[in-house]
Amino acid sequence: MISTRENMILCLQDIGCTGDRQQRILQMCEQNDDAEILRELKRRRCELIEEMHSIQQQIDRTDYLIRAHENSHRRK
């Protein structure tokens, strides 16, 4: 059976929290520092959203290039 700590480690790894950040959050859990845990998780969420926006921009630019290329070939 997976312990609560093991589950937390797996979840942290899934969201990209490893190394020092993971250790800090686990230490906060041991200290029952809910406010800091939430602050750190919200910070990570913001980072993920920023990454998502960056990737969305790349997708949009790729779509633009595809459409431009398709349109240039239709004119020929």
PDB file of N, CA and C in Angstrom:
ATOM      1  N   MET A   1       0.844  -1.191   0.000  1.00  0.00           N
ATOM      2  CA  MET A   1       0.000   0.000   0.000  1.00  0.00           C
ATOM      3  C   MET A   1       0.883   1.246   0.000  1.00  0.00           C
ATOM      4  N   ILE A   2       0.474   2.236  -0.751  1.00  0.00           N
ATOM      5  CA  ILE A   2       1.240   3.475  -0.857  1.00  0.00           C
ATOM      6  C   ILE A   2       0.891   4.389   0.313  1.00  0.00           C
ATOM      7  N   SER A   3       1.935   4.882   0.974  1.00  0.00           N
ATOM      8  CA  SER A   3       1.713   5.788   2.097  1.00  0.00           C
ATOM      9  C   SER A   3       1.358   7.177   1.585  1.00  0.00           C
ATOM     10  N   THR A   4       0.869   8.003   2.485  1.00  0.00           N
ATOM     11  CA  THR A   4       0.537   9.379   2.136  1.00  0.00           C
ATOM     12  C   THR A   4       1.775  10.109   1.632  1.00  0.00           C
ATOM     13  N   ARG A   5       2.920   9.877   2.275  1.00  0.00           N
ATOM     14  CA  ARG A   5       4.172  10.518   1.853  1.00  0.00           C
ATOM     15  C   ARG A   5       4.560  10.048   0.451  1.00  0.00           C
ATOM     16  N   GLU A   6       4.466   8.738   0.210  1.00  0.00           N
ATOM     17  CA  GLU A   6       4.810   8.208  -1.115  1.00  0.00           C
ATOM     18  C   GLU A   6       3.872   8.766  -2.178  1.00  0.00           C
ATOM     19  N   ASN A   7       2.597   8.880  -1.847  1.00  0.00           N
ATOM     20  CA  ASN A   7       1.619   9.453  -2.762  1.00  0.00           C
ATOM     21  C   ASN A   7       1.963  10.911  -3.065  1.00  0.00           C
ATOM     22  N   MET A   8       2.325  11.654  -2.027  1.00  0.00           N
ATOM     23  CA  MET A   8       2.702  13.056  -2.215  1.00  0.00           C
ATOM     24  C   MET A   8       3.934  13.170  -3.113  1.00  0.00           C
ATOM     25  N   ILE A   9       4.912  12.311  -2.917  1.00  0.00           N
ATOM     26  CA  ILE A   9       6.116  12.323  -3.750  1.00  0.00           C
ATOM     27  C   ILE A   9       5.758  12.053  -5.206  1.00  0.00           C
ATOM     28  N   LEU A  10       4.916  11.057  -5.442  1.00  0.00           N
ATOM     29  CA  LEU A  10       4.499  10.743  -6.808  1.00  0.00           C
ATOM     30  C   LEU A  10       3.760  11.916  -7.450  1.00  0.00           C
ATOM     31  N   CYS A  11       2.872  12.532  -6.696  1.00  0.00           N
ATOM     32  CA  CYS A  11       2.124  13.676  -7.222  1.00  0.00           C
ATOM     33  C   CYS A  11       3.056  14.852  -7.510  1.00  0.00           C
ATOM     34  N   LEU A  12       3.992  15.106  -6.615  1.00  0.00           N
ATOM     35  CA  LEU A  12       4.938  16.200  -6.828  1.00  0.00           C
ATOM     36  C   LEU A  12       5.785  15.949  -8.072  1.00  0.00           C
ATOM     37  N   GLN A  13       6.196  14.711  -8.257  1.00  0.00           N
ATOM     38  CA  GLN A  13       6.973  14.379  -9.456  1.00  0.00           C
ATOM     39  C   GLN A  13       6.125  14.573 -10.707  1.00  0.00           C
ATOM     40  N   ASP A  14       4.852  14.202 -10.637  1.00  0.00           N
ATOM     41  CA  ASP A  14       3.943  14.356 -11.776  1.00  0.00           C
ATOM     42  C   ASP A  14       3.788  15.814 -12.195  1.00  0.00           C
ATOM     43  N   ILE A  15       3.858  16.733 -11.234  1.00  0.00           N
ATOM     44  CA  ILE A  15       3.698  18.151 -11.567  1.00  0.00           C
ATOM     45  C   ILE A  15       5.045  18.849 -11.780  1.00  0.00           C
ATOM     46  N   GLY A  16       6.113  18.055 -11.790  1.00  0.00           N
ATOM     47  CA  GLY A  16       7.421  18.610 -12.102  1.00  0.00           C
ATOM     48  C   GLY A  16       8.188  19.158 -10.917  1.00  0.00           C
ATOM     49  N   CYS A  17       7.766  18.836  -9.707  1.00  0.00           N
ATOM     50  CA  CYS A  17       8.491  19.271  -8.513  1.00  0.00           C
ATOM     51  C   CYS A  17       9.464  18.173  -8.105  1.00  0.00           C
ATOM     52  N   THR A  18      10.728  18.452  -8.273  1.00  0.00           N
ATOM     53  CA  THR A  18      11.754  17.481  -7.902  1.00  0.00           C
ATOM     54  C   THR A  18      12.837  18.193  -7.090  1.00  0.00           C
ATOM     55  N   GLY A  19      13.774  17.427  -6.625  1.00  0.00           N
ATOM     56  CA  GLY A  19      14.939  17.996  -5.949  1.00  0.00           C
ATOM     57  C   GLY A  19      14.600  18.820  -4.730  1.00  0.00           C
ATOM     58  N   ASP A  20      15.221  19.996  -4.664  1.00  0.00           N
ATOM     59  CA  ASP A  20      15.074  20.869  -3.498  1.00  0.00           C
ATOM     60  C   ASP A  20      13.624  21.286  -3.258  1.00  0.00           C
ATOM     61  N   ARG A  21      12.938  21.603  -4.333  1.00  0.00           N
ATOM     62  CA  ARG A  21      11.552  22.044  -4.179  1.00  0.00           C
ATOM     63  C   ARG A  21      10.702  20.933  -3.574  1.00  0.00           C
ATOM     64  N   GLN A  22      10.891  19.723  -4.068  1.00  0.00           N
ATOM     65  CA  GLN A  22      10.149  18.583  -3.534  1.00  0.00           C
ATOM     66  C   GLN A  22      10.464  18.396  -2.049  1.00  0.00           C
ATOM     67  N   GLN A  23      11.723  18.485  -1.688  1.00  0.00           N
ATOM     68  CA  GLN A  23      12.121  18.313  -0.284  1.00  0.00           C
ATOM     69  C   GLN A  23      11.517  19.395   0.599  1.00  0.00           C
ATOM     70  N   ARG A  24      11.488  20.637   0.094  1.00  0.00           N
ATOM     71  CA  ARG A  24      10.890  21.732   0.876  1.00  0.00           C
ATOM     72  C   ARG A  24       9.410  21.470   1.134  1.00  0.00           C
ATOM     73  N   ILE A  25       8.705  21.037   0.109  1.00  0.00           N
ATOM     74  CA  ILE A  25       7.269  20.782   0.265  1.00  0.00           C
ATOM     75  C   ILE A  25       7.035  19.618   1.225  1.00  0.00           C
ATOM     76  N   LEU A  26       7.838  18.577   1.097  1.00  0.00           N
ATOM     77  CA  LEU A  26       7.684  17.436   2.011  1.00  0.00           C
ATOM     78  C   LEU A  26       7.967  17.850   3.449  1.00  0.00           C
ATOM     79  N   GLN A  27       8.951  18.711   3.635  1.00  0.00           N
ATOM     80  CA  GLN A  27       9.250  19.202   4.985  1.00  0.00           C
ATOM     81  C   GLN A  27       8.077  20.031   5.511  1.00  0.00           C
ATOM     82  N   MET A  28       7.477  20.839   4.645  1.00  0.00           N
ATOM     83  CA  MET A  28       6.297  21.617   5.038  1.00  0.00           C
ATOM     84  C   MET A  28       5.158  20.695   5.454  1.00  0.00           C
ATOM     85  N   CYS A  29       5.011  19.574   4.730  1.00  0.00           N
ATOM     86  CA  CYS A  29       3.969  18.598   5.077  1.00  0.00           C
ATOM     87  C   CYS A  29       4.213  18.024   6.462  1.00  0.00           C
ATOM     88  N   GLU A  30       5.462  17.681   6.736  1.00  0.00           N
ATOM     89  CA  GLU A  30       5.797  17.127   8.051  1.00  0.00           C
ATOM     90  C   GLU A  30       5.530  18.138   9.160  1.00  0.00           C
ATOM     91  N   GLN A  31       5.685  19.420   8.842  1.00  0.00           N
ATOM     92  CA  GLN A  31       5.468  20.479   9.831  1.00  0.00           C
ATOM     93  C   GLN A  31       4.025  20.977   9.826  1.00  0.00           C
ATOM     94  N   ASN A  32       3.187  20.361   8.984  1.00  0.00           N
ATOM     95  CA  ASN A  32       1.779  20.771   8.849  1.00  0.00           C
ATOM     96  C   ASN A  32       1.643  22.254   8.530  1.00  0.00           C
ATOM     97  N   ASP A  33       2.537  22.753   7.683  1.00  0.00           N
ATOM     98  CA  ASP A  33       2.535  24.165   7.297  1.00  0.00           C
ATOM     99  C   ASP A  33       1.673  24.331   6.043  1.00  0.00           C
ATOM    100  N   ASP A  34       0.366  24.219   6.249  1.00  0.00           N
ATOM    101  CA  ASP A  34      -0.572  24.235   5.129  1.00  0.00           C
ATOM    102  C   ASP A  34      -0.498  25.512   4.301  1.00  0.00           C
ATOM    103  N   ALA A  35      -0.319  26.649   4.957  1.00  0.00           N
ATOM    104  CA  ALA A  35      -0.276  27.921   4.228  1.00  0.00           C
ATOM    105  C   ALA A  35       0.895  27.942   3.251  1.00  0.00           C
ATOM    106  N   GLU A  36       2.060  27.486   3.687  1.00  0.00           N
ATOM    107  CA  GLU A  36       3.237  27.471   2.811  1.00  0.00           C
ATOM    108  C   GLU A  36       3.114  26.417   1.714  1.00  0.00           C
ATOM    109  N   ILE A  37       2.517  25.278   2.057  1.00  0.00           N
ATOM    110  CA  ILE A  37       2.293  24.234   1.044  1.00  0.00           C
ATOM    111  C   ILE A  37       1.413  24.801  -0.070  1.00  0.00           C
ATOM    112  N   LEU A  38       0.317  25.432   0.299  1.00  0.00           N
ATOM    113  CA  LEU A  38      -0.588  26.011  -0.692  1.00  0.00           C
ATOM    114  C   LEU A  38       0.104  27.091  -1.509  1.00  0.00           C
ATOM    115  N   ARG A  39       0.898  27.918  -0.860  1.00  0.00           N
ATOM    116  CA  ARG A  39       1.617  28.972  -1.565  1.00  0.00           C
ATOM    117  C   ARG A  39       2.569  28.382  -2.607  1.00  0.00           C
ATOM    118  N   GLU A  40       3.292  27.339  -2.219  1.00  0.00           N
ATOM    119  CA  GLU A  40       4.246  26.694  -3.130  1.00  0.00           C
ATOM    120  C   GLU A  40       3.525  25.992  -4.277  1.00  0.00           C
ATOM    121  N   LEU A  41       2.420  25.316  -3.988  1.00  0.00           N
ATOM    122  CA  LEU A  41       1.659  24.637  -5.041  1.00  0.00           C
ATOM    123  C   LEU A  41       1.019  25.639  -6.001  1.00  0.00           C
ATOM    124  N   LYS A  42       0.541  26.750  -5.469  1.00  0.00           N
ATOM    125  CA  LYS A  42      -0.024  27.790  -6.343  1.00  0.00           C
ATOM    126  C   LYS A  42       1.061  28.416  -7.214  1.00  0.00           C
ATOM    127  N   ARG A  43       2.249  28.568  -6.663  1.00  0.00           N
ATOM    128  CA  ARG A  43       3.379  29.078  -7.442  1.00  0.00           C
ATOM    129  C   ARG A  43       3.689  28.132  -8.601  1.00  0.00           C
ATOM    130  N   ARG A  44       3.686  26.839  -8.317  1.00  0.00           N
ATOM    131  CA  ARG A  44       3.946  25.850  -9.371  1.00  0.00           C
ATOM    132  C   ARG A  44       2.844  25.876 -10.416  1.00  0.00           C
ATOM    133  N   ARG A  45       1.613  26.026  -9.969  1.00  0.00           N
ATOM    134  CA  ARG A  45       0.491  26.103 -10.904  1.00  0.00           C
ATOM    135  C   ARG A  45       0.671  27.279 -11.859  1.00  0.00           C
ATOM    136  N   CYS A  46       1.067  28.419 -11.330  1.00  0.00           N
ATOM    137  CA  CYS A  46       1.316  29.597 -12.178  1.00  0.00           C
ATOM    138  C   CYS A  46       2.428  29.317 -13.185  1.00  0.00           C
ATOM    139  N   GLU A  47       3.478  28.638 -12.753  1.00  0.00           N
ATOM    140  CA  GLU A  47       4.563  28.289 -13.665  1.00  0.00           C
ATOM    141  C   GLU A  47       4.063  27.391 -14.795  1.00  0.00           C
ATOM    142  N   LEU A  48       3.229  26.437 -14.434  1.00  0.00           N
ATOM    143  CA  LEU A  48       2.683  25.529 -15.444  1.00  0.00           C
ATOM    144  C   LEU A  48       1.794  26.269 -16.431  1.00  0.00           C
ATOM    145  N   ILE A  49       1.011  27.217 -15.934  1.00  0.00           N
ATOM    146  CA  ILE A  49       0.153  28.002 -16.819  1.00  0.00           C
ATOM    147  C   ILE A  49       1.001  28.837 -17.769  1.00  0.00           C
ATOM    148  N   GLU A  50       2.090  29.422 -17.259  1.00  0.00           N
ATOM    149  CA  GLU A  50       2.987  30.185 -18.125  1.00  0.00           C
ATOM    150  C   GLU A  50       3.589  29.293 -19.214  1.00  0.00           C
ATOM    151  N   GLU A  51       3.980  28.076 -18.840  1.00  0.00           N
ATOM    152  CA  GLU A  51       4.511  27.121 -19.821  1.00  0.00           C
ATOM    153  C   GLU A  51       3.446  26.787 -20.864  1.00  0.00           C
ATOM    154  N   MET A  52       2.217  26.601 -20.398  1.00  0.00           N
ATOM    155  CA  MET A  52       1.124  26.269 -21.295  1.00  0.00           C
ATOM    156  C   MET A  52       0.880  27.410 -22.290  1.00  0.00           C
ATOM    157  N   HIS A  53       0.935  28.648 -21.811  1.00  0.00           N
ATOM    158  CA  HIS A  53       0.742  29.800 -22.694  1.00  0.00           C
ATOM    159  C   HIS A  53       1.854  29.873 -23.735  1.00  0.00           C
ATOM    160  N   SER A  54       3.058  29.607 -23.316  1.00  0.00           N
ATOM    161  CA  SER A  54       4.192  29.624 -24.243  1.00  0.00           C
ATOM    162  C   SER A  54       4.024  28.558 -25.319  1.00  0.00           C
ATOM    163  N   ILE A  55       3.613  27.378 -24.907  1.00  0.00           N
ATOM    164  CA  ILE A  55       3.389  26.291 -25.862  1.00  0.00           C
ATOM    165  C   ILE A  55       2.221  26.632 -26.784  1.00  0.00           C
ATOM    166  N   GLN A  56       1.174  27.254 -26.244  1.00  0.00           N
ATOM    167  CA  GLN A  56       0.039  27.652 -27.075  1.00  0.00           C
ATOM    168  C   GLN A  56       0.477  28.646 -28.142  1.00  0.00           C
ATOM    169  N   GLN A  57       1.355  29.568 -27.789  1.00  0.00           N
ATOM    170  CA  GLN A  57       1.873  30.517 -28.780  1.00  0.00           C
ATOM    171  C   GLN A  57       2.641  29.785 -29.875  1.00  0.00           C
ATOM    172  N   GLN A  58       3.413  28.789 -29.494  1.00  0.00           N
ATOM    173  CA  GLN A  58       4.151  28.007 -30.491  1.00  0.00           C
ATOM    174  C   GLN A  58       3.189  27.271 -31.422  1.00  0.00           C
ATOM    175  N   ILE A  59       2.128  26.725 -30.861  1.00  0.00           N
ATOM    176  CA  ILE A  59       1.118  26.033 -31.668  1.00  0.00           C
ATOM    177  C   ILE A  59       0.457  27.020 -32.627  1.00  0.00           C
ATOM    178  N   ASP A  60       0.095  28.196 -32.122  1.00  0.00           N
ATOM    179  CA  ASP A  60      -0.539  29.205 -32.968  1.00  0.00           C
ATOM    180  C   ASP A  60       0.376  29.614 -34.118  1.00  0.00           C
ATOM    181  N   ARG A  61       1.649  29.807 -33.829  1.00  0.00           N
ATOM    182  CA  ARG A  61       2.590  30.187 -34.890  1.00  0.00           C
ATOM    183  C   ARG A  61       2.775  29.062 -35.903  1.00  0.00           C
ATOM    184  N   THR A  62       2.782  27.840 -35.401  1.00  0.00           N
ATOM    185  CA  THR A  62       2.888  26.688 -36.302  1.00  0.00           C
ATOM    186  C   THR A  62       1.663  26.620 -37.216  1.00  0.00           C
ATOM    187  N   ASP A  63       0.480  26.816 -36.640  1.00  0.00           N
ATOM    188  CA  ASP A  63      -0.750  26.828 -37.445  1.00  0.00           C
ATOM    189  C   ASP A  63      -0.697  27.923 -38.506  1.00  0.00           C
ATOM    190  N   TYR A  64      -0.196  29.098 -38.130  1.00  0.00           N
ATOM    191  CA  TYR A  64      -0.064  30.198 -39.085  1.00  0.00           C
ATOM    192  C   TYR A  64       0.827  29.789 -40.254  1.00  0.00           C
ATOM    193  N   LEU A  65       1.980  29.181 -39.932  1.00  0.00           N
ATOM    194  CA  LEU A  65       2.906  28.757 -40.989  1.00  0.00           C
ATOM    195  C   LEU A  65       2.283  27.686 -41.884  1.00  0.00           C
ATOM    196  N   ILE A  66       1.544  26.782 -41.289  1.00  0.00           N
ATOM    197  CA  ILE A  66       0.875  25.736 -42.077  1.00  0.00           C
ATOM    198  C   ILE A  66      -0.114  26.377 -43.042  1.00  0.00           C
ATOM    199  N   ARG A  67      -0.968  27.273 -42.513  1.00  0.00           N
ATOM    200  CA  ARG A  67      -1.964  27.932 -43.375  1.00  0.00           C
ATOM    201  C   ARG A  67      -1.283  28.750 -44.473  1.00  0.00           C
ATOM    202  N   ALA A  68      -0.239  29.474 -44.123  1.00  0.00           N
ATOM    203  CA  ALA A  68       0.466  30.289 -45.118  1.00  0.00           C
ATOM    204  C   ALA A  68       1.062  29.403 -46.207  1.00  0.00           C
ATOM    205  N   HIS A  69       1.624  28.287 -45.801  1.00  0.00           N
ATOM    206  CA  HIS A  69       2.224  27.373 -46.771  1.00  0.00           C
ATOM    207  C   HIS A  69       1.153  26.738 -47.656  1.00  0.00           C
ATOM    208  N   GLU A  70       0.053  26.326 -47.050  1.00  0.00           N
ATOM    209  CA  GLU A  70      -1.041  25.736 -47.834  1.00  0.00           C
ATOM    210  C   GLU A  70      -1.617  26.745 -48.817  1.00  0.00           C
ATOM    211  N   ASN A  71      -1.788  27.972 -48.382  1.00  0.00           N
ATOM    212  CA  ASN A  71      -2.339  29.022 -49.247  1.00  0.00           C
ATOM    213  C   ASN A  71      -1.395  29.345 -50.398  1.00  0.00           C
ATOM    214  N   SER A  72      -0.097  29.336 -50.144  1.00  0.00           N
ATOM    215  CA  SER A  72       0.849  29.631 -51.219  1.00  0.00           C
ATOM    216  C   SER A  72       0.845  28.542 -52.272  1.00  0.00           C
ATOM    217  N   HIS A  73       0.599  27.309 -51.868  1.00  0.00           N
ATOM    218  CA  HIS A  73       0.550  26.197 -52.823  1.00  0.00           C
ATOM    219  C   HIS A  73      -0.770  26.175 -53.605  1.00  0.00           C
ATOM    220  N   ARG A  74      -1.824  26.678 -53.039  1.00  0.00           N
ATOM    221  CA  ARG A  74      -3.120  26.722 -53.747  1.00  0.00           C
ATOM    222  C   ARG A  74      -3.087  27.741 -54.887  1.00  0.00           C
ATOM    223  N   ARG A  75      -2.297  28.780 -54.706  1.00  0.00           N
ATOM    224  CA  ARG A  75      -2.221  29.843 -55.709  1.00  0.00           C
ATOM    225  C   ARG A  75      -1.428  29.408 -56.938  1.00  0.00           C
ATOM    226  N   LYS A  76      -0.639  28.374 -56.805  1.00  0.00           N
ATOM    227  CA  LYS A  76       0.219  27.927 -57.909  1.00  0.00           C
ATOM    228  C   LYS A  76      -0.523  27.077 -58.896  1.00  0.00           C
TER     229      LYS A  76
END
